Amino acid sequence: MNPFPEFGKMLIILGIFMVIAGIVLVFIPKIPLIGRLPGDIVIRKGNFTFYFPLATCIILSILLTLIFSIFRR
């Protein structure tokens, strides 16, 4: 008898999430406009560059919220 069935399910879900995250990281450089959207903040001063992808973060947050709300139901 397995005393930790929830732990096993959690490990399976975590593994699936890690595979999906790995696939996304491999293909994200090939997706156009990711990180170069209007609203992303880039400040260049001499040797210093500050980059904050504000619009990209907002879009990713909306997409992840929609995905997690679908899986929750």
Protein backbone atom coordinates (compact mmCIF):
# COMPACT_ATOMS: atom_id res chain seq x y z
CA MET A 1 0.00 0.00 0.00
CA ASN A 2 1.32 3.40 -0.97
CA PRO A 3 1.24 5.81 1.98
CA PHE A 4 1.92 8.85 -0.21
CA PRO A 5 -0.29 8.76 -3.35
CA GLU A 6 -0.57 12.56 -3.43
CA PHE A 7 3.24 12.85 -3.44
CA GLY A 8 3.45 10.59 -6.49
CA LYS A 9 0.84 12.63 -8.35
CA MET A 10 2.67 15.83 -7.45
CA LEU A 11 5.95 14.41 -8.82
CA ILE A 12 4.26 13.43 -12.09
CA ILE A 13 2.74 16.89 -12.50
CA LEU A 14 6.08 18.52 -11.64
CA GLY A 15 7.83 16.34 -14.22
CA ILE A 16 5.32 17.26 -16.93
CA PHE A 17 5.71 20.94 -16.03
CA MET A 18 9.51 20.65 -16.26
CA VAL A 19 9.31 19.00 -19.70
CA ILE A 20 6.99 21.75 -20.97
CA ALA A 21 9.26 24.44 -19.49
CA GLY A 22 12.26 22.84 -21.20
CA ILE A 23 10.52 22.78 -24.55
CA VAL A 24 9.51 26.42 -24.15
CA LEU A 25 13.08 27.43 -23.28
CA VAL A 26 14.40 25.67 -26.37
CA PHE A 27 11.93 27.32 -28.75
CA ILE A 28 11.51 30.78 -27.16
CA PRO A 29 14.35 32.41 -29.18
CA LYS A 30 12.52 31.42 -32.37
CA ILE A 31 9.24 33.11 -31.34
CA PRO A 32 9.10 36.60 -32.85
CA LEU A 33 8.42 39.65 -30.65
CA ILE A 34 8.96 37.84 -27.32
CA GLY A 35 11.00 40.31 -25.33
CA ARG A 36 10.72 43.05 -27.97
CA LEU A 37 7.16 44.21 -27.48
CA PRO A 38 6.10 47.85 -27.22
CA GLY A 39 6.06 48.54 -23.49
CA ASP A 40 9.25 46.63 -22.73
CA ILE A 41 11.68 48.96 -21.01
CA VAL A 42 15.27 49.18 -22.30
CA ILE A 43 17.73 51.76 -20.94
CA ARG A 44 21.24 51.93 -22.44
CA LYS A 45 23.84 54.23 -20.91
CA GLY A 46 27.42 53.64 -21.97
CA ASN A 47 28.50 50.22 -20.67
CA PHE A 48 25.24 49.65 -18.77
CA THR A 49 22.03 48.14 -20.16
CA PHE A 50 18.85 47.74 -18.10
CA TYR A 51 16.12 45.61 -19.61
CA PHE A 52 12.68 44.99 -18.09
CA PRO A 53 10.14 43.17 -20.31
CA LEU A 54 7.01 44.75 -18.80
CA ALA A 55 4.59 44.06 -21.69
CA THR A 56 5.96 40.53 -22.12
CA CYS A 57 5.44 39.83 -18.42
CA ILE A 58 1.85 41.06 -18.54
CA ILE A 59 1.01 38.92 -21.59
CA LEU A 60 2.64 35.83 -20.05
CA SER A 61 0.76 36.43 -16.79
CA ILE A 62 -2.56 36.61 -18.62
CA LEU A 63 -1.80 33.43 -20.59
CA LEU A 64 -0.71 31.49 -17.50
CA THR A 65 -3.80 32.67 -15.60
CA LEU A 66 -6.03 31.40 -18.40
CA ILE A 67 -4.20 28.07 -18.60
CA PHE A 68 -4.30 27.46 -14.84
CA SER A 69 -7.98 28.44 -14.63
CA ILE A 70 -8.79 25.89 -17.35
CA PHE A 71 -6.88 23.13 -15.52
CA ARG A 72 -8.46 24.05 -12.19
CA ARG A 73 -11.95 23.21 -13.46
